[in-house]
């Protein structure tokens, strides 16, 4: 899912920070922090995000899941590499 889709969904109310935190196994604070680091500022009165960064196109076309990926190797008992699971899809409200 692209950042622009996440932002639009959060503004429309179809995606919540809690859903994203459960999907990516991170805190809602981390989600807010990453969105802010991309250059978005949240307007609490209008419940919208305003882009104040340098490169809107790059920020919008970033895969949201790539913001939270870590290089973690998981091995089973036979020392076989196990690929990490894909995040669960977000269920609409």
Protein backbone atom coordinates (compact mmCIF):
# COMPACT_ATOMS: atom_id res chain seq x y z
CA UNK A 1 0.00 0.00 0.00
CA UNK A 2 1.38 3.40 -0.96
CA UNK A 3 1.70 6.27 1.49
CA UNK A 4 -0.81 8.36 -0.47
CA UNK A 5 -3.40 5.56 -0.11
CA UNK A 6 -2.76 5.36 3.64
CA UNK A 7 -3.07 9.15 4.03
CA UNK A 8 -6.31 9.25 2.01
CA UNK A 9 -7.71 6.32 3.99
CA UNK A 10 -6.84 7.92 7.32
CA UNK A 11 -8.39 11.23 6.27
CA UNK A 12 -11.54 9.44 5.06
CA UNK A 13 -11.73 7.36 8.22
CA UNK A 14 -11.50 4.00 6.46
CA UNK A 15 -8.08 3.25 7.95
CA UNK A 16 -7.09 3.91 11.56
CA UNK A 17 -3.71 4.13 13.20
CA UNK A 18 -4.67 1.18 15.37
CA UNK A 19 -5.35 -0.99 12.31
CA UNK A 20 -1.99 -0.04 10.82
CA UNK A 21 -0.19 -0.72 14.09
CA UNK A 22 -1.72 -4.20 14.29
CA UNK A 23 -0.93 -4.92 10.64
CA UNK A 24 2.74 -3.91 10.87
CA UNK A 25 3.25 -4.94 14.53
CA UNK A 26 4.40 -1.48 15.63
CA UNK A 27 3.00 1.25 17.87
CA UNK A 28 0.65 3.99 16.72
CA UNK A 29 3.30 6.48 17.85
CA UNK A 30 5.79 4.96 15.40
CA UNK A 31 3.26 5.30 12.58
CA UNK A 32 2.70 8.97 13.41
CA UNK A 33 6.43 9.54 13.62
CA UNK A 34 7.15 7.93 10.23
CA UNK A 35 4.36 9.90 8.52
CA UNK A 36 5.78 13.10 10.01
CA UNK A 37 9.31 12.15 8.87
CA UNK A 38 7.99 11.85 5.31
CA UNK A 39 6.96 15.51 5.48
CA UNK A 40 3.30 15.35 6.44
CA UNK A 41 1.82 17.57 9.14
CA UNK A 42 -1.45 16.53 10.79
CA UNK A 43 -4.10 19.22 11.27
CA UNK A 44 -6.18 18.05 14.22
CA UNK A 45 -8.98 20.60 13.71
CA UNK A 46 -9.62 19.58 10.08
CA UNK A 47 -8.49 15.93 10.53
CA UNK A 48 -6.27 16.20 7.44
CA UNK A 49 -2.61 15.79 6.53
CA UNK A 50 -0.76 18.63 4.82
CA UNK A 51 2.49 17.96 2.99
CA UNK A 52 5.24 20.35 4.05
CA UNK A 53 8.24 18.33 2.86
CA UNK A 54 10.49 18.68 -0.17
CA UNK A 55 9.42 15.96 -2.61
CA UNK A 56 5.70 15.14 -2.63
CA UNK A 57 5.90 12.62 -5.47
CA UNK A 58 8.56 10.51 -3.75
CA UNK A 59 6.73 10.63 -0.41
CA UNK A 60 3.37 9.65 -1.94
CA UNK A 61 4.78 6.79 -4.00
CA UNK A 62 6.69 5.20 -1.12
CA UNK A 63 5.44 1.77 -0.10
CA UNK A 64 4.13 2.24 3.43
CA UNK A 65 5.27 -1.21 4.52
CA UNK A 66 8.87 -0.45 3.56
CA UNK A 67 9.02 2.22 6.25
CA UNK A 68 8.89 -0.47 8.95
CA UNK A 69 10.82 -3.38 7.49
CA UNK A 70 13.75 -4.69 9.43
CA UNK A 71 16.47 -7.06 8.29
CA UNK A 72 15.65 -9.98 10.57
CA UNK A 73 16.62 -13.57 9.78
CA UNK A 74 14.46 -16.24 11.32
CA UNK A 75 15.58 -19.87 11.38
CA UNK A 76 13.69 -23.00 12.28
CA UNK A 77 15.11 -26.04 14.13
CA UNK A 78 16.71 -27.38 10.92
CA UNK A 79 18.56 -24.08 10.29
CA UNK A 80 16.36 -23.42 7.27
CA UNK A 81 15.65 -19.78 6.57
CA UNK A 82 11.99 -18.87 7.12
CA UNK A 83 10.66 -15.87 5.26
CA UNK A 84 8.79 -13.34 7.38
CA UNK A 85 5.03 -13.35 7.00
CA UNK A 86 3.29 -10.78 4.84
CA UNK A 87 1.33 -8.15 6.81
CA UNK A 88 -2.39 -8.84 7.21
CA UNK A 89 -4.69 -6.80 4.96
CA UNK A 90 -6.60 -3.98 6.64
CA UNK A 91 -10.28 -4.66 7.18
CA UNK A 92 -12.58 -1.71 6.40
CA UNK A 93 -14.38 -0.13 9.33
